[in-house]
Amino acid sequence: MREENLALPDVMLVIDAEGVIRDATLSNLFAGERAAEWIGSPWTDTVAASDADQLKRMLDDAQTAGVCAFRHLNQRFPSGVEIPIEYTAVRLGGDSRTLAIGKNLRAVAELQARLVEAQQAIERDYWKLREVETRYRLVFNSSSDAVLLLKAGTYAIVELNPAAAQALGVPLLKTRGSAGVRLPELLMQDERELFHAMMRRVREGGKAPGIMLRLGDERVPWMVRGSLVSSVTEEVYLLQLTPSAAVGQQPDLANPVPIDDLIESGPDGFVVIDQQGVIRRVNRTFVDLVQMGSESALVGESLSRWLGRPGADLTVLLANISRLGAVRLFSTTLRGELGTEIEAEISASGNSDRTGGRIAVFVRDVSRRLTAGSRESKGLDGLLQSLSKQIGKTTLRKLVDDTVGIVERHYIDSALDLTGGNRTAAAELLGLSRQSLYAKLNRYGMDEETRLAASGAR
């Protein structure tokens, strides 16, 4: 194999004061080229046309300063091939001639191309890995089975899905970060040794028979099975939690009717939330309405995530429940995870000491029902159609302004009716500040006196 001395130049040219090549020497890398054909030709004729000005500046710099900076030129060889060459020029003593020294950049260009290809390959592998991680995350979180991962050394919870978090009574956010929760700390004192014995058998044989542990705040019996999973960085334990089939439901003498079964199979959505609107329980109908995979995926989430205006509808609902104790036929829009929207009515009650601060919410799909709101929208359509008759009689700007005014007035009036005249709640429902709402009420003549007069007329 022939080895090249990388310190030697690949091209050396002697250029006279007129820029004509008087001598040319090529390295063994260009042994097949006839450099003698360059002699007597202007150097500018042997490079790309776009490099001619740069070449002249390089020669001028060499004559003025004695040496010029490196410049990149596309040198055209006698065989017709064009190769990128990095040149510098040096003035030869007191002579007017200039020595141009060039180094072949093709190897550098090839390395750069290979580097770009390697970077693109790395990026493709990265996105493939992200796709695999996304699929894993969807399967892990949507699974109805309770699953969690533990560090092999410390039994700290590395990751758990919503079903496991509900079973253990641990918030998902609490296990994130460098300092995870250790599972033995969540067990009863007399069951920790049994758990450690099972994990020792898992370490020795890869898996072990399941054991019964009482988990969560209510100490419900669960069958726990473990297995060892190899990881890139360290080994982890995979635990699967299954509700114990040996422990049946205790009969409730005070409530002999199976209320839970009736709610679960009811045609309307049923949700139990706390005073902050966080979901604590749902039935299957509500899971289907919001297009989620399982009940465990909803527990711990805010109900406002699926209501018409995130935050606003739930705020109004909770405020009315706190003030009145119950809400009936609260109109809103329910958004599904797959992009569907349906018209819904909400009835809710609770938030007392007897209910432990819990609120029962019933959600009914009324998208197929012809409600009063539908008739109002037809009235709005009639007003807008009457404006269409003004086309040709007034300017487009005035038509647009009148249309905006009618629509704004209609929705402000609907928001005030929905909130029982509460301007603060109506402004929040419309996404406006109170000052902006007051200004629009004055603009459209919808102040309190006008509304009272209109109510009296009706």
Protein backbone atom coordinates (compact mmCIF):
# COMPACT_ATOMS: atom_id res chain seq x y z
CA MET A 1 0.00 0.00 0.00
CA ARG A 2 1.35 3.42 -1.04
CA GLU A 3 1.61 5.96 1.75
CA GLU A 4 1.49 9.70 1.01
CA ASN A 5 3.36 12.30 3.00
CA LEU A 6 0.51 14.55 4.09
CA ALA A 7 2.92 17.43 4.77
CA LEU A 8 3.96 17.74 1.10
CA PRO A 9 1.88 19.92 -1.26
CA ASP A 10 -0.12 18.28 -4.03
CA VAL A 11 0.17 21.19 -6.49
CA MET A 12 2.97 23.79 -6.89
CA LEU A 13 2.67 26.54 -9.50
CA VAL A 14 5.06 29.36 -10.40
CA ILE A 15 3.04 32.39 -11.57
CA ASP A 16 4.58 35.46 -13.27
CA ALA A 17 3.46 39.07 -12.82
CA GLU A 18 0.77 38.70 -15.52
CA GLY A 19 -0.77 35.67 -13.78
CA VAL A 20 0.59 33.17 -16.35
CA ILE A 21 1.78 29.72 -15.21
CA ARG A 22 5.54 29.34 -15.84
CA ASP A 23 6.14 26.08 -14.04
CA ALA A 24 3.92 23.35 -12.56
CA THR A 25 4.67 20.38 -10.32
CA LEU A 26 2.17 17.75 -9.18
CA SER A 27 2.51 15.09 -6.47
CA ASN A 28 2.20 11.37 -7.08
CA LEU A 29 -1.50 11.68 -6.26
CA PHE A 30 -1.95 13.25 -9.72
CA ALA A 31 0.62 11.14 -11.58
CA GLY A 32 -1.72 10.65 -14.53
CA GLU A 33 -2.15 14.42 -15.16
CA ARG A 34 0.06 16.29 -17.71
CA ALA A 35 0.95 19.45 -15.81
CA ALA A 36 3.10 20.69 -18.71
CA GLU A 37 -0.08 21.62 -20.60
CA TRP A 38 -0.68 24.40 -18.02
CA ILE A 39 2.60 26.17 -18.77
CA GLY A 40 1.99 29.38 -20.74
CA SER A 41 -1.71 29.52 -19.82
CA PRO A 42 -3.21 32.13 -17.47
CA TRP A 43 -3.94 30.57 -14.10
CA THR A 44 -7.50 31.94 -14.21
CA ASP A 45 -8.20 29.76 -17.26
CA THR A 46 -7.46 26.59 -15.24
CA VAL A 47 -9.91 27.23 -12.39
CA ALA A 48 -13.67 27.50 -12.19
CA ALA A 49 -15.07 30.75 -13.58
CA SER A 50 -16.58 31.63 -10.20
CA ASP A 51 -13.11 31.49 -8.57
CA ALA A 52 -11.37 33.92 -10.96
CA ASP A 53 -11.91 37.01 -8.80
CA GLN A 54 -10.79 35.17 -5.68
CA LEU A 55 -7.64 34.00 -7.45
CA LYS A 56 -6.74 37.58 -8.48
CA ARG A 57 -7.19 38.82 -4.91
CA MET A 58 -4.94 36.04 -3.70
CA LEU A 59 -2.14 37.04 -6.12
CA ASP A 60 -2.53 40.73 -5.22
CA ASP A 61 -2.27 39.90 -1.49
CA ALA A 62 0.86 37.83 -2.11
CA GLN A 63 2.54 40.68 -4.03
CA THR A 64 1.55 43.24 -1.41
CA ALA A 65 2.15 41.35 1.86
CA GLY A 66 4.48 38.61 0.68
CA VAL A 67 2.04 35.82 1.53
CA CYS A 68 -1.72 35.39 1.36
CA ALA A 69 -4.22 33.45 3.45
CA PHE A 70 -5.45 30.01 2.40
CA ARG A 71 -8.22 30.08 -0.16
CA HIS A 72 -10.38 27.34 -1.60
CA LEU A 73 -10.29 27.07 -5.44
CA ASN A 74 -11.82 24.51 -7.78
CA GLN A 75 -8.82 23.52 -9.91
CA ARG A 76 -9.56 22.12 -13.38
CA PHE A 77 -6.84 19.61 -14.41
CA PRO A 78 -5.74 18.84 -18.01
CA SER A 79 -7.80 15.62 -18.01
CA GLY A 80 -10.95 17.68 -17.41
CA VAL A 81 -11.53 16.61 -13.81
CA GLU A 82 -12.25 19.43 -11.34
CA ILE A 83 -10.93 18.99 -7.78
CA PRO A 84 -11.18 21.34 -4.78
CA ILE A 85 -7.70 22.59 -3.85
CA GLU A 86 -6.74 24.77 -0.89
CA TYR A 87 -4.10 27.29 -2.08
CA THR A 88 -1.77 29.78 -0.50
CA ALA A 89 0.58 32.06 -2.48
CA VAL A 90 4.06 33.32 -1.54
CA ARG A 91 6.08 36.01 -3.30
CA LEU A 92 9.51 34.75 -4.42
CA GLY A 93 12.07 37.16 -2.92
CA GLY A 94 12.60 40.28 -4.98
CA ASP A 95 11.23 38.58 -8.06
CA SER A 96 7.79 39.47 -9.35
CA ARG A 97 6.91 35.81 -9.54
CA THR A 98 4.61 34.05 -7.09
CA LEU A 99 4.69 30.47 -5.84
CA ALA A 100 1.22 28.96 -5.38
CA ILE A 101 1.08 25.90 -3.12
CA GLY A 102 -2.07 23.75 -3.04
CA LYS A 103 -3.39 20.82 -1.01
CA ASN A 104 -6.04 18.38 -2.26
CA LEU A 105 -9.34 18.77 -0.35
CA ARG A 106 -11.08 15.76 -1.87
CA ALA A 107 -10.15 13.56 1.11
CA VAL A 108 -11.51 16.22 3.49
CA ALA A 109 -14.71 16.48 1.44
CA GLU A 110 -15.12 12.69 1.53
CA LEU A 111 -14.63 12.68 5.30
CA GLN A 112 -17.20 15.46 5.65
CA ALA A 113 -19.68 13.51 3.51
CA ARG A 114 -19.13 10.39 5.61
CA LEU A 115 -19.60 12.47 8.76
CA VAL A 116 -22.92 13.83 7.46
CA GLU A 117 -24.06 10.30 6.57
CA ALA A 118 -23.11 9.08 10.06
CA GLN A 119 -25.01 11.95 11.67
CA GLN A 120 -28.09 11.19 9.58
CA ALA A 121 -27.87 7.50 10.52
CA ILE A 122 -27.62 8.44 14.21
CA GLU A 123 -30.65 10.73 13.86
CA ARG A 124 -32.67 7.98 12.16
CA ASP A 125 -31.78 5.54 14.94
CA TYR A 126 -32.70 8.17 17.52
CA TRP A 127 -36.19 8.68 16.06
CA LYS A 128 -36.69 4.91 15.83
CA LEU A 129 -35.81 4.69 19.52
CA ARG A 130 -38.23 7.52 20.32
CA GLU A 131 -40.98 5.68 18.42
CA VAL A 132 -40.32 2.50 20.40
CA GLU A 133 -40.34 4.49 23.67
CA THR A 134 -43.64 6.16 22.71
CA ARG A 135 -45.29 2.81 21.98
CA TYR A 136 -43.97 1.42 25.26
CA ARG A 137 -45.29 4.44 27.14
CA LEU A 138 -48.76 4.10 25.58
CA VAL A 139 -48.98 0.38 26.36
CA PHE A 140 -47.57 0.83 29.88
CA ASN A 141 -49.87 3.68 30.90
CA SER A 142 -53.05 2.39 29.25
CA SER A 143 -52.75 -1.11 30.68
CA SER A 144 -55.47 -2.00 33.17
CA ASP A 145 -53.02 -4.31 34.98
CA ALA A 146 -51.00 -2.78 37.82
CA VAL A 147 -47.29 -2.94 36.87
CA LEU A 148 -44.21 -1.34 38.44
CA LEU A 149 -40.42 -1.50 38.12
CA LEU A 150 -38.02 -1.60 41.10
CA LYS A 151 -34.28 -1.04 41.34
CA ALA A 152 -32.55 -4.33 42.10
CA GLY A 153 -30.35 -2.91 44.83
CA THR A 154 -32.64 -0.61 46.79
CA TYR A 155 -36.19 -1.69 45.79
CA ALA A 156 -36.88 1.95 44.90
CA ILE A 157 -39.76 2.45 42.48
CA VAL A 158 -38.30 3.32 39.08
CA GLU A 159 -41.62 3.52 37.25
CA LEU A 160 -45.24 2.54 37.74
CA ASN A 161 -48.41 2.89 35.69
CA PRO A 162 -51.59 4.63 36.89
CA ALA A 163 -53.20 1.32 37.95
CA ALA A 164 -50.24 0.50 40.21
CA ALA A 165 -50.20 4.03 41.63
CA GLN A 166 -53.86 3.68 42.56
CA ALA A 167 -53.27 0.27 44.14
CA LEU A 168 -50.35 1.53 46.25
CA GLY A 169 -51.95 4.88 47.07
CA VAL A 170 -48.90 6.72 45.72
CA PRO A 171 -49.19 9.79 43.42
CA LEU A 172 -47.40 9.35 40.11
CA LEU A 173 -45.45 12.60 40.60
CA LYS A 174 -44.00 11.37 43.90
CA THR A 175 -42.00 8.60 42.23
CA ARG A 176 -40.37 10.84 39.61
CA GLY A 177 -36.86 12.15 40.13
CA SER A 178 -33.65 10.70 41.50
CA ALA A 179 -35.00 9.82 44.95
CA GLY A 180 -37.77 7.27 44.27
CA VAL A 181 -40.08 5.79 46.90
CA ARG A 182 -38.91 2.42 48.28
CA LEU A 183 -41.63 -0.20 48.01
CA PRO A 184 -40.88 -1.89 51.39
CA GLU A 185 -41.70 1.40 53.11
CA LEU A 186 -45.26 1.15 51.72
CA LEU A 187 -45.81 -2.38 53.10
CA MET A 188 -47.08 -3.40 56.49
CA GLN A 189 -44.34 -4.18 59.00
CA ASP A 190 -45.22 -7.86 59.33
CA GLU A 191 -45.20 -8.39 55.53
CA ARG A 192 -41.83 -6.86 54.68
CA GLU A 193 -39.82 -10.01 55.44
CA LEU A 194 -42.16 -12.03 53.21
CA PHE A 195 -41.56 -9.51 50.43
CA HIS A 196 -37.75 -9.68 50.85
CA ALA A 197 -37.87 -13.48 50.77
CA MET A 198 -39.76 -13.43 47.49
CA MET A 199 -37.31 -10.94 45.96
CA ARG A 200 -34.35 -13.15 46.98
CA ARG A 201 -35.94 -16.04 45.12
CA VAL A 202 -36.49 -13.79 42.11
CA ARG A 203 -32.80 -12.81 42.12
CA GLU A 204 -31.70 -16.45 42.33
CA GLY A 205 -34.10 -18.02 39.84
CA GLY A 206 -35.41 -15.12 37.73
CA LYS A 207 -38.95 -15.49 39.09
CA ALA A 208 -40.81 -16.70 42.16
CA PRO A 209 -44.34 -17.77 43.19
CA GLY A 210 -46.70 -14.92 43.97
CA ILE A 211 -47.40 -13.74 47.50
CA MET A 212 -50.35 -11.96 49.08
CA LEU A 213 -49.71 -8.40 50.28
CA ARG A 214 -52.09 -5.79 51.68
CA LEU A 215 -51.51 -2.54 49.79
CA GLY A 216 -52.81 1.01 49.74
CA ASP A 217 -54.40 3.11 52.42
CA GLU A 218 -57.23 0.59 52.82
CA ARG A 219 -54.84 -2.40 52.92
CA VAL A 220 -56.64 -4.29 50.17
CA PRO A 221 -55.16 -7.78 49.48
CA TRP A 222 -53.24 -8.04 46.18
CA MET A 223 -51.42 -10.97 44.62
CA VAL A 224 -47.84 -9.82 43.86
CA ARG A 225 -45.65 -11.63 41.32
CA GLY A 226 -42.07 -10.65 40.47
CA SER A 227 -39.52 -11.33 37.75
CA LEU A 228 -36.00 -10.14 36.95
CA VAL A 229 -35.46 -7.94 33.88
CA SER A 230 -32.01 -7.20 32.45
CA SER A 231 -31.32 -3.55 31.69
CA VAL A 232 -28.47 -1.72 29.96
CA THR A 233 -27.38 0.10 33.11
CA GLU A 234 -28.63 -2.17 35.90
CA GLU A 235 -31.00 -5.00 36.65
CA VAL A 236 -34.58 -4.16 37.63
CA TYR A 237 -37.47 -6.11 39.06
CA LEU A 238 -40.83 -6.23 37.30
CA LEU A 239 -43.78 -6.61 39.69
CA GLN A 240 -47.32 -7.39 38.57
CA LEU A 241 -50.18 -6.72 41.01
CA THR A 242 -53.44 -8.64 40.67
CA PRO A 243 -56.52 -8.17 42.88
CA SER A 244 -56.95 -11.18 45.11
CA ALA A 245 -59.76 -13.46 43.88
CA ALA A 246 -59.78 -15.24 47.25
CA VAL A 247 -61.05 -12.16 49.07
CA GLY A 248 -64.68 -11.55 48.17
CA GLN A 249 -66.73 -8.44 48.68
CA GLN A 250 -68.16 -8.18 52.15
CA PRO A 251 -71.97 -7.78 52.09
CA ASP A 252 -73.21 -4.32 52.95
CA LEU A 253 -76.22 -4.87 55.19
CA ALA A 254 -77.14 -1.19 55.17
CA ASN A 255 -77.19 -1.09 51.35
CA PRO A 256 -78.22 -4.52 50.07
CA VAL A 257 -78.75 -3.18 46.53
CA PRO A 258 -75.53 -3.45 44.41
CA ILE A 259 -75.19 0.30 43.86
CA ASP A 260 -71.70 0.02 42.38
CA ASP A 261 -72.83 -2.42 39.70
CA LEU A 262 -75.79 -0.23 38.81
CA ILE A 263 -73.60 2.89 38.46
CA GLU A 264 -70.98 1.01 36.46
CA SER A 265 -73.54 -0.20 33.91
CA GLY A 266 -75.55 3.04 33.81
CA PRO A 267 -76.19 4.79 30.48
CA ASP A 268 -74.85 8.15 31.77
CA GLY A 269 -71.30 8.97 32.68
CA PHE A 270 -70.57 8.99 36.43
CA VAL A 271 -67.54 10.73 37.96
CA VAL A 272 -66.46 11.28 41.57
CA ILE A 273 -64.21 14.33 42.03
CA ASP A 274 -62.72 16.13 45.02
CA GLN A 275 -63.01 19.83 45.86
CA GLN A 276 -60.25 20.69 43.35
CA GLY A 277 -61.94 18.82 40.51
CA VAL A 278 -59.49 15.88 40.51
CA ILE A 279 -61.10 12.60 39.40
CA ARG A 280 -61.24 9.86 42.03
CA ARG A 281 -63.56 7.38 40.32
CA VAL A 282 -65.37 6.97 36.99
CA ASN A 283 -67.68 4.43 35.41
CA ARG A 284 -67.28 2.72 32.06
CA THR A 285 -69.71 5.03 30.27
CA PHE A 286 -67.64 8.12 31.06
CA VAL A 287 -64.46 6.30 29.98
CA ASP A 288 -66.13 5.70 26.60
CA LEU A 289 -67.38 9.30 26.34
CA VAL A 290 -63.86 10.73 26.70
CA GLN A 291 -62.33 7.94 24.55
CA MET A 292 -59.79 6.68 27.07
CA GLY A 293 -58.55 3.14 27.39
CA SER A 294 -59.22 2.40 31.05
CA GLU A 295 -60.53 3.86 34.31
CA SER A 296 -57.02 4.01 35.80
CA ALA A 297 -55.92 6.41 33.04
CA LEU A 298 -58.46 9.01 34.28
CA VAL A 299 -57.97 8.72 38.05
CA GLY A 300 -55.79 11.57 39.28
CA GLU A 301 -56.51 13.82 36.28
CA SER A 302 -58.52 17.05 36.45
CA LEU A 303 -62.07 16.88 35.05
CA SER A 304 -61.45 20.20 33.25
CA ARG A 305 -59.18 18.35 30.79
CA TRP A 306 -62.28 17.07 28.95
CA LEU A 307 -64.72 19.96 29.47
CA GLY A 308 -65.51 22.66 26.88
CA ARG A 309 -63.22 25.41 28.17
CA PRO A 310 -60.39 23.98 30.30
CA GLY A 311 -60.58 25.55 33.75
CA ALA A 312 -63.54 27.87 33.09
CA ASP A 313 -66.38 25.30 32.99
CA LEU A 314 -65.02 23.42 36.00
CA THR A 315 -64.52 26.66 37.95
CA VAL A 316 -68.14 27.69 37.38
CA LEU A 317 -69.38 24.18 38.24
CA LEU A 318 -67.44 24.00 41.52
CA ALA A 319 -68.46 27.54 42.49
CA ASN A 320 -72.16 26.73 42.02
CA ILE A 321 -71.86 23.46 43.94
CA SER A 322 -70.11 25.26 46.81
CA ARG A 323 -72.84 27.93 46.85
CA LEU A 324 -75.96 25.84 46.17
CA GLY A 325 -74.92 22.29 47.10
CA ALA A 326 -76.11 20.90 43.76
CA VAL A 327 -76.17 21.78 40.06
CA ARG A 328 -78.69 20.56 37.50
CA LEU A 329 -78.55 20.56 33.70
CA PHE A 330 -75.24 22.42 33.43
CA SER A 331 -74.56 22.67 29.67
CA THR A 332 -71.02 22.13 28.38
CA THR A 333 -69.02 20.42 25.66
CA LEU A 334 -67.21 17.13 26.33
CA ARG A 335 -64.02 16.60 24.31
CA GLY A 336 -62.71 13.10 23.63
CA GLU A 337 -59.03 12.16 23.43
CA LEU A 338 -59.48 11.25 19.74
CA GLY A 339 -60.79 14.71 18.80
CA THR A 340 -64.57 14.26 19.02
CA GLU A 341 -66.78 16.82 20.75
CA ILE A 342 -70.29 16.20 22.06
CA GLU A 343 -72.85 18.41 23.76
CA ALA A 344 -73.36 17.30 27.35
CA GLU A 345 -75.41 18.14 30.43
CA ILE A 346 -73.93 17.84 33.92
CA SER A 347 -75.76 17.33 37.19
CA ALA A 348 -73.67 17.28 40.36
CA SER A 349 -74.00 17.35 44.12
CA GLY A 350 -71.92 16.75 47.25
CA ASN A 351 -68.99 18.63 48.78
CA SER A 352 -70.28 18.25 52.35
CA ASP A 353 -68.85 16.83 55.54
CA ARG A 354 -71.08 13.77 55.14
CA THR A 355 -69.59 13.02 51.70
CA GLY A 356 -66.02 13.70 52.78
CA GLY A 357 -65.66 16.60 50.37
CA ARG A 358 -66.38 14.35 47.38
CA ILE A 359 -68.66 15.47 44.53
CA ALA A 360 -70.77 13.11 42.42
CA VAL A 361 -71.04 14.22 38.79
CA PHE A 362 -73.46 12.73 36.23
CA VAL A 363 -72.68 13.46 32.58
CA ARG A 364 -75.33 12.93 29.89
CA ASP A 365 -74.76 13.03 26.12
CA VAL A 366 -77.41 15.39 24.69
CA SER A 367 -75.87 15.95 21.26
CA ARG A 368 -78.91 14.36 19.55
CA ARG A 369 -81.47 16.27 21.57
CA LEU A 370 -83.08 19.45 20.18
CA THR A 371 -82.46 21.76 23.12
CA ALA A 372 -83.38 25.36 23.73
CA GLY A 373 -79.79 26.20 22.87
CA SER A 374 -80.35 24.77 19.40
CA ARG A 375 -83.37 27.01 18.91
CA GLU A 376 -81.32 29.99 20.09
CA SER A 377 -78.64 29.18 17.56
CA LYS A 378 -81.33 29.14 14.87
CA GLY A 379 -82.36 32.58 16.07
CA LEU A 380 -78.78 33.70 15.77
CA ASP A 381 -78.68 32.26 12.27
CA GLY A 382 -81.80 34.28 11.45
CA LEU A 383 -80.15 37.50 12.59
CA LEU A 384 -77.08 36.75 10.53
CA GLN A 385 -79.22 35.95 7.50
CA SER A 386 -80.99 39.31 7.86
CA LEU A 387 -77.59 40.98 7.61
CA SER A 388 -76.99 39.14 4.35
CA LYS A 389 -79.87 41.14 2.85
CA GLN A 390 -77.84 44.31 3.42
CA ILE A 391 -75.22 43.22 0.88
CA GLY A 392 -75.04 45.92 -1.78
CA LYS A 393 -76.73 48.48 0.47
CA THR A 394 -73.84 49.05 2.86
CA THR A 395 -70.06 48.59 2.96
CA LEU A 396 -68.29 45.32 3.76
CA ARG A 397 -66.61 46.91 6.77
CA LYS A 398 -69.97 47.82 8.33
CA LEU A 399 -71.39 44.36 7.60
CA VAL A 400 -68.44 42.74 9.38
CA ASP A 401 -68.72 45.10 12.37
CA ASP A 402 -72.47 44.44 12.68
CA THR A 403 -71.93 40.68 12.46
CA VAL A 404 -69.25 40.75 15.18
CA GLY A 405 -71.55 42.81 17.39
CA ILE A 406 -74.48 40.38 17.04
CA VAL A 407 -72.32 37.34 17.76
CA GLU A 408 -70.61 38.97 20.77
CA ARG A 409 -73.92 40.07 22.24
CA HIS A 410 -75.44 36.61 21.77
CA TYR A 411 -72.61 34.78 23.57
CA ILE A 412 -72.34 37.36 26.36
CA ASP A 413 -76.07 37.00 27.00
CA SER A 414 -75.76 33.18 26.96
CA ALA A 415 -72.82 33.30 29.42
CA LEU A 416 -74.77 35.56 31.80
CA ASP A 417 -77.77 33.23 31.65
CA LEU A 418 -75.56 30.22 32.25
CA THR A 419 -73.95 31.77 35.34
CA GLY A 420 -77.16 33.22 36.74
CA GLY A 421 -76.08 36.82 36.08
CA ASN A 422 -72.69 36.42 37.80
CA ARG A 423 -70.51 38.76 35.75
CA THR A 424 -67.22 37.52 37.22
CA ALA A 425 -68.02 33.90 36.35
CA ALA A 426 -69.33 34.95 32.92
CA ALA A 427 -66.11 36.86 32.17
CA GLU A 428 -64.05 33.81 33.13
CA LEU A 429 -66.25 31.57 31.02
CA LEU A 430 -65.76 33.87 28.00
CA GLY A 431 -62.03 34.30 28.58
CA LEU A 432 -62.38 38.04 29.24
CA SER A 433 -61.33 40.32 32.06
CA ARG A 434 -64.12 41.88 34.11
CA GLN A 435 -63.26 45.34 32.75
CA SER A 436 -63.55 44.08 29.17
CA LEU A 437 -66.90 42.44 29.92
CA TYR A 438 -68.25 45.64 31.52
CA ALA A 439 -67.12 47.66 28.51
CA LYS A 440 -68.92 45.29 26.11
CA LEU A 441 -72.08 45.37 28.28
CA ASN A 442 -72.12 49.16 28.06
CA ARG A 443 -71.37 49.12 24.34
CA TYR A 444 -74.30 46.83 23.55
CA GLY A 445 -76.69 48.35 26.10
CA MET A 446 -76.67 45.20 28.21
CA ASP A 447 -76.06 46.80 31.62
CA GLU A 448 -77.95 45.63 34.68
CA GLU A 449 -80.87 48.03 34.23
CA THR A 450 -81.41 46.96 30.64
CA ARG A 451 -81.32 43.26 31.59
CA LEU A 452 -83.82 43.82 34.40
CA ALA A 453 -86.14 45.69 32.08
CA ALA A 454 -85.89 42.95 29.52
CA SER A 455 -86.61 40.31 32.17
CA GLY A 456 -89.69 42.24 33.30
CA ALA A 457 -90.92 42.48 29.74
CA ARG A 458 -90.68 38.74 29.36
